[in-house]
Amino acid sequence: MVLSMTGYGRAGALLHGRDIKVELRSVNARFFEYSSRLPRSCAFLEDKLKKLVAAKVSRGKVELSLSIQTVTAADTVVSVNWSLAQGYRAALDSLIEKMELKNDVTAGMIARFPEVLTQTAAPTNEDELWQDVQSVALQAVDAFVAMRAAEGEKLKADVAGRLDTIEELVAKIEQGSAGRVQAYSDKLYARLQELLGDRNIDESRLVTEAALFADKTAIDEETVRLHSHVAQYREILALDEPVGRKLDFLTQELNRESNTIGSKCQDVAITRLVVELKSEIEKIREQIQNIE
């Protein structure tokens, strides 16, 4: 399955009083690059989340974002500062006695004094939190991979179509180059006749020149390799593994063979076909830069 290196995935769930959201996004990169944005209290999840993502992604610059919002007070502990509360109560009793006031002190009154009640975060159950985050993260990764797969299928279809075009162009080049030696011989013979007039033309020398031309401009090996590379390209596209690096190397080989043909051929029509051929290869090269 061909996967694009660009993608996005998101998932969320309400678990154990926490609203957990995970987002993943990626862009092209030569290797696997990972970065994350986590709440400070979840720093211990960094390596776990990286391994979870790396199990599904081999190339691309991936950014993971985790947010956790508490929707209940389950993770908060309220404590009473008893010594301070007793001090306030003693001070109020003294005030009431000396000023002969009505004793209407209530717990609510004392609780409103500064620092009588304090709130602290409850100890985090790290295993429980990881299980919850992992559950949401796996959903986000699945959505992320699904988007990459959908984009990858589009890239694969485009590349496959261009491979068909390349084969058609190579076939035309082969057809156009088939009679080039005879055409060269005829042209050379006519030129010699023009120069030598009625004098005899050395047929053996003419054959030698034609043979040298044929050897110098032969492109059979290059076209055969192009057909082979295209066939191999299709085989790699069908693999169920990351194929981007293999295709990148094979694209370089396609370009190398087309350059060799271009340097050998002196026919204008073939040169135009080579230009089209190189254009298609360049378009393929641009597309596979997006493939994992």
Protein backbone atom coordinates (compact mmCIF):
# COMPACT_ATOMS: atom_id res chain seq x y z
CA MET A 1 0.00 0.00 0.00
CA VAL A 2 1.39 3.37 -1.06
CA LEU A 3 1.19 5.99 1.70
CA SER A 4 1.53 9.74 1.36
CA MET A 5 3.87 11.48 3.79
CA THR A 6 1.33 14.25 4.34
CA GLY A 7 -1.67 13.54 6.53
CA TYR A 8 -3.88 14.55 9.45
CA GLY A 9 -5.72 12.61 12.11
CA ARG A 10 -7.72 13.57 15.19
CA ALA A 11 -9.55 11.74 17.97
CA GLY A 12 -11.07 12.56 21.33
CA ALA A 13 -12.83 10.86 24.23
CA LEU A 14 -14.12 11.56 27.75
CA LEU A 15 -12.44 9.06 30.08
CA HIS A 16 -12.23 9.04 33.89
CA GLY A 17 -13.35 12.65 34.13
CA ARG A 18 -10.84 13.87 31.52
CA ASP A 19 -11.57 15.23 28.06
CA ILE A 20 -8.63 13.85 26.05
CA LYS A 21 -7.83 14.99 22.50
CA VAL A 22 -4.98 13.87 20.25
CA GLU A 23 -4.07 15.41 16.89
CA LEU A 24 -1.49 14.22 14.39
CA ARG A 25 -0.24 16.02 11.30
CA SER A 26 2.73 15.39 9.01
CA VAL A 27 4.66 16.82 6.08
CA ASN A 28 7.40 15.47 3.83
CA ALA A 29 10.80 14.60 5.29
CA ARG A 30 13.68 12.42 4.23
CA PHE A 31 13.50 10.35 7.42
CA PHE A 32 11.10 9.90 10.35
CA GLU A 33 11.05 13.04 12.47
CA TYR A 34 8.82 13.31 15.55
CA SER A 35 7.85 16.23 17.74
CA SER A 36 5.06 16.70 20.27
CA ARG A 37 3.20 19.22 22.37
CA LEU A 38 2.10 17.74 25.70
CA PRO A 39 0.82 19.16 28.99
CA ARG A 40 3.68 19.49 31.44
CA SER A 41 2.08 16.91 33.71
CA CYS A 42 2.16 14.38 30.86
CA ALA A 43 5.86 14.63 30.01
CA PHE A 44 6.30 11.02 31.08
CA LEU A 45 4.18 9.98 28.06
CA GLU A 46 6.62 11.44 25.50
CA ASP A 47 8.55 8.25 24.70
CA LYS A 48 5.45 6.05 24.80
CA LEU A 49 3.63 8.22 22.27
CA LYS A 50 6.68 8.41 20.02
CA LYS A 51 6.94 4.61 19.91
CA LEU A 52 3.21 4.33 19.22
CA VAL A 53 3.50 6.64 16.20
CA ALA A 54 6.79 5.13 14.96
CA ALA A 55 5.12 1.72 14.80
CA LYS A 56 2.87 3.06 12.02
CA VAL A 57 5.03 5.70 10.32
CA SER A 58 8.48 5.21 8.79
CA ARG A 59 9.01 8.54 7.00
CA GLY A 60 7.73 12.07 7.37
CA LYS A 61 7.89 14.94 9.83
CA VAL A 62 5.14 14.13 12.33
CA GLU A 63 3.79 16.43 15.02
CA LEU A 64 1.55 15.11 17.80
CA SER A 65 -0.54 17.37 20.00
CA LEU A 66 -2.15 16.16 23.24
CA SER A 67 -4.64 18.17 25.31
CA ILE A 68 -6.32 17.07 28.53
CA GLN A 69 -9.12 19.02 30.21
CA THR A 70 -10.49 17.98 33.59
CA VAL A 71 -14.29 18.00 33.56
CA THR A 72 -14.80 16.76 37.13
CA ALA A 73 -13.03 17.43 40.41
CA ALA A 74 -11.85 13.85 40.60
CA ASP A 75 -8.22 14.87 40.36
CA THR A 76 -8.43 17.64 43.01
CA VAL A 77 -8.07 17.24 46.79
CA VAL A 78 -9.36 19.94 49.17
CA SER A 79 -7.54 20.09 52.54
CA VAL A 80 -8.23 21.97 55.78
CA ASN A 81 -5.45 23.86 57.51
CA TRP A 82 -6.64 22.92 60.98
CA SER A 83 -4.15 24.94 62.99
CA LEU A 84 -4.99 28.08 61.00
CA ALA A 85 -8.74 27.41 61.32
CA GLN A 86 -8.43 26.94 65.08
CA GLY A 87 -6.42 30.14 65.29
CA TYR A 88 -9.17 32.06 63.46
CA ARG A 89 -11.81 30.49 65.74
CA ALA A 90 -9.88 31.45 68.89
CA ALA A 91 -9.45 35.01 67.61
CA LEU A 92 -13.17 35.28 66.84
CA ASP A 93 -14.14 33.91 70.27
CA SER A 94 -11.86 36.44 71.93
CA LEU A 95 -13.38 39.24 69.85
CA ILE A 96 -16.93 38.15 70.73
CA GLU A 97 -16.13 37.93 74.46
CA LYS A 98 -14.41 41.29 74.78
CA MET A 99 -16.90 43.17 72.63
CA GLU A 100 -19.90 41.29 73.99
CA LEU A 101 -21.08 40.30 70.55
CA LYS A 102 -23.46 37.61 69.47
CA ASN A 103 -21.68 34.34 68.90
CA ASP A 104 -22.70 33.55 65.33
CA VAL A 105 -19.46 32.00 64.11
CA THR A 106 -20.06 29.30 61.48
CA ALA A 107 -17.84 26.86 59.65
CA GLY A 108 -18.62 28.72 56.43
CA MET A 109 -17.35 31.96 57.95
CA ILE A 110 -14.05 30.38 59.01
CA ALA A 111 -13.67 28.59 55.67
CA ARG A 112 -13.73 31.95 53.86
CA PHE A 113 -10.61 33.15 55.65
CA PRO A 114 -7.39 32.97 53.55
CA GLU A 115 -5.65 29.60 53.27
CA VAL A 116 -8.02 27.76 55.59
CA LEU A 117 -9.03 25.57 52.67
CA THR A 118 -6.40 24.58 50.08
CA GLN A 119 -6.69 22.70 46.83
CA THR A 120 -4.02 20.31 45.62
CA ALA A 121 -3.86 17.97 42.65
CA ALA A 122 -4.57 14.38 43.50
CA PRO A 123 -1.72 11.94 42.82
CA THR A 124 -1.81 10.95 39.15
CA ASN A 125 -2.41 7.32 38.40
CA GLU A 126 0.13 7.18 35.57
CA ASP A 127 -0.90 3.73 34.33
CA GLU A 128 -4.56 4.71 34.13
CA LEU A 129 -3.74 7.98 32.39
CA TRP A 130 -1.52 6.22 29.84
CA GLN A 131 -4.21 3.66 29.07
CA ASP A 132 -6.70 6.46 28.41
CA VAL A 133 -4.30 8.53 26.30
CA GLN A 134 -3.15 5.44 24.41
CA SER A 135 -6.73 4.57 23.54
CA VAL A 136 -7.36 8.01 22.06
CA ALA A 137 -3.94 8.19 20.38
CA LEU A 138 -4.51 4.88 18.58
CA GLN A 139 -7.77 6.22 17.15
CA ALA A 140 -5.98 9.37 15.98
CA VAL A 141 -3.20 7.31 14.39
CA ASP A 142 -5.76 5.14 12.57
CA ALA A 143 -7.44 8.25 11.16
CA PHE A 144 -4.03 9.68 10.28
CA VAL A 145 -2.92 6.54 8.43
CA ALA A 146 -6.27 6.30 6.62
CA MET A 147 -5.82 9.81 5.26
CA ARG A 148 -2.24 9.04 4.20
CA ALA A 149 -3.48 5.89 2.46
CA ALA A 150 -6.18 7.79 0.57
CA GLU A 151 -3.65 10.38 -0.58
CA GLY A 152 -1.21 7.59 -1.41
CA GLU A 153 -3.72 5.92 -3.73
CA LYS A 154 -4.07 9.17 -5.66
CA LEU A 155 -0.30 9.46 -5.99
CA LYS A 156 -0.06 5.83 -7.08
CA ALA A 157 -2.71 6.30 -9.77
CA ASP A 158 -0.96 9.40 -11.10
CA VAL A 159 2.44 7.69 -11.22
CA ALA A 160 0.96 4.59 -12.87
CA GLY A 161 -0.57 6.75 -15.61
CA ARG A 162 2.76 8.46 -16.24
CA LEU A 163 4.51 5.08 -16.45
CA ASP A 164 2.12 4.16 -19.26
CA THR A 165 3.03 7.40 -21.03
CA ILE A 166 6.74 6.67 -20.60
CA GLU A 167 6.34 3.24 -22.20
CA GLU A 168 4.49 4.78 -25.12
CA LEU A 169 7.24 7.36 -25.61
CA VAL A 170 9.98 4.72 -25.42
CA ALA A 171 8.15 2.66 -28.04
CA LYS A 172 8.00 5.69 -30.34
CA ILE A 173 11.70 6.35 -29.77
CA GLU A 174 12.50 2.75 -30.67
CA GLN A 175 10.38 3.00 -33.79
CA GLY A 176 11.94 6.32 -34.79
CA SER A 177 15.49 5.09 -34.28
CA ALA A 178 15.01 1.83 -36.20
CA GLY A 179 15.87 3.34 -39.63
CA ARG A 180 18.40 5.91 -38.50
CA VAL A 181 21.49 3.93 -39.69
CA GLN A 182 20.08 3.44 -43.20
CA ALA A 183 19.04 7.09 -43.31
CA TYR A 184 22.55 8.12 -42.26
CA SER A 185 24.10 5.87 -44.92
CA ASP A 186 21.85 7.28 -47.64
CA LYS A 187 22.60 10.83 -46.56
CA LEU A 188 26.34 10.15 -46.46
CA TYR A 189 26.28 8.46 -49.87
CA ALA A 190 24.40 11.41 -51.40
CA ARG A 191 26.86 13.85 -49.84
CA LEU A 192 29.85 11.94 -51.20
CA GLN A 193 28.31 11.81 -54.65
CA GLU A 194 27.89 15.54 -54.53
CA LEU A 195 31.51 16.05 -53.52
CA LEU A 196 33.18 13.39 -55.70
CA GLY A 197 31.05 13.72 -58.82
CA ASP A 198 31.76 10.85 -61.27
CA ARG A 199 34.57 9.33 -59.22
CA ASN A 200 33.93 5.96 -57.58
CA ILE A 201 32.80 5.88 -53.98
CA ASP A 202 34.56 3.46 -51.64
CA GLU A 203 31.69 1.23 -50.56
CA SER A 204 33.72 -0.44 -47.84
CA ARG A 205 34.52 2.91 -46.27
CA LEU A 206 30.87 3.84 -46.44
CA VAL A 207 29.93 0.62 -44.62
CA THR A 208 32.60 1.32 -42.00
CA GLU A 209 31.30 4.84 -41.39
CA ALA A 210 27.76 3.54 -41.10
CA ALA A 211 28.90 0.91 -38.58
CA LEU A 212 30.71 3.52 -36.49
CA PHE A 213 27.61 5.70 -36.55
CA ALA A 214 25.41 2.78 -35.53
CA ASP A 215 27.70 1.92 -32.63
CA LYS A 216 27.90 5.53 -31.47
CA THR A 217 24.17 6.15 -31.59
CA ALA A 218 22.82 2.74 -30.54
CA ILE A 219 20.13 3.12 -27.86
CA ASP A 220 18.88 -0.47 -27.68
CA GLU A 221 20.44 -1.07 -24.27
CA GLU A 222 18.95 2.13 -22.87
CA THR A 223 15.42 1.44 -24.14
CA VAL A 224 15.56 -2.14 -22.85
CA ARG A 225 16.60 -0.86 -19.43
CA LEU A 226 13.83 1.73 -19.50
CA HIS A 227 11.24 -0.99 -20.12
CA SER A 228 12.79 -3.02 -17.29
CA HIS A 229 12.78 -0.06 -14.90
CA VAL A 230 9.12 0.69 -15.66
CA ALA A 231 8.19 -2.95 -14.95
CA GLN A 232 10.13 -2.85 -11.68
CA TYR A 233 8.45 0.45 -10.80
CA ARG A 234 5.04 -1.21 -11.06
CA GLU A 235 6.20 -4.13 -8.90
CA ILE A 236 7.42 -1.76 -6.18
CA LEU A 237 4.17 0.23 -6.26
CA ALA A 238 2.33 -3.03 -5.49
CA LEU A 239 4.41 -3.78 -2.37
CA ASP A 240 2.77 -3.53 1.06
CA GLU A 241 5.63 -1.60 2.64
CA PRO A 242 7.23 1.87 2.50
CA VAL A 243 8.48 2.31 -1.07
CA GLY A 244 9.47 5.97 -1.35
CA ARG A 245 13.24 5.47 -1.16
CA LYS A 246 13.20 2.61 -3.68
CA LEU A 247 11.16 4.65 -6.12
CA ASP A 248 13.46 7.62 -5.67
CA PHE A 249 16.47 5.52 -6.66
CA LEU A 250 14.63 3.97 -9.61
CA THR A 251 13.55 7.40 -10.82
CA GLN A 252 17.19 8.43 -10.95
CA GLU A 253 17.85 5.41 -13.16
CA LEU A 254 14.99 6.36 -15.49
CA ASN A 255 16.41 9.84 -15.78
CA ARG A 256 19.91 8.51 -16.42
CA GLU A 257 18.77 6.33 -19.32
CA SER A 258 16.73 9.14 -20.89
CA ASN A 259 19.72 11.48 -20.66
CA THR A 260 21.91 8.90 -22.42
CA ILE A 261 19.38 8.50 -25.22
CA GLY A 262 19.19 12.27 -25.60
CA SER A 263 22.97 12.55 -25.89
CA LYS A 264 23.19 9.77 -28.47
CA CYS A 265 20.32 10.65 -30.79
CA GLN A 266 20.82 13.35 -33.38
CA ASP A 267 17.34 13.11 -34.86
CA VAL A 268 15.08 16.11 -34.19
CA ALA A 269 11.92 14.00 -33.87
CA ILE A 270 13.57 11.66 -31.36
CA THR A 271 14.97 14.61 -29.42
CA ARG A 272 11.44 15.95 -29.01
CA LEU A 273 10.29 12.57 -27.73
CA VAL A 274 13.18 12.52 -25.26
CA VAL A 275 12.15 15.96 -23.99
CA GLU A 276 8.62 14.62 -23.37
CA LEU A 277 10.08 11.53 -21.74
CA LYS A 278 12.20 13.58 -19.33
CA SER A 279 9.23 15.79 -18.54
CA GLU A 280 7.15 12.76 -17.49
CA ILE A 281 10.03 11.41 -15.38
CA GLU A 282 10.38 14.77 -13.65
CA LYS A 283 6.66 14.80 -12.84
CA ILE A 284 7.01 11.33 -11.35
CA ARG A 285 10.01 12.49 -9.33
CA GLU A 286 7.94 15.34 -7.88
CA GLN A 287 5.13 12.97 -6.93
CA ILE A 288 7.27 10.37 -5.21
CA GLN A 289 8.75 13.04 -2.95
CA ASN A 290 5.36 12.76 -1.20
CA ILE A 291 5.44 8.98 -0.86
CA GLU A 292 6.50 7.30 2.38
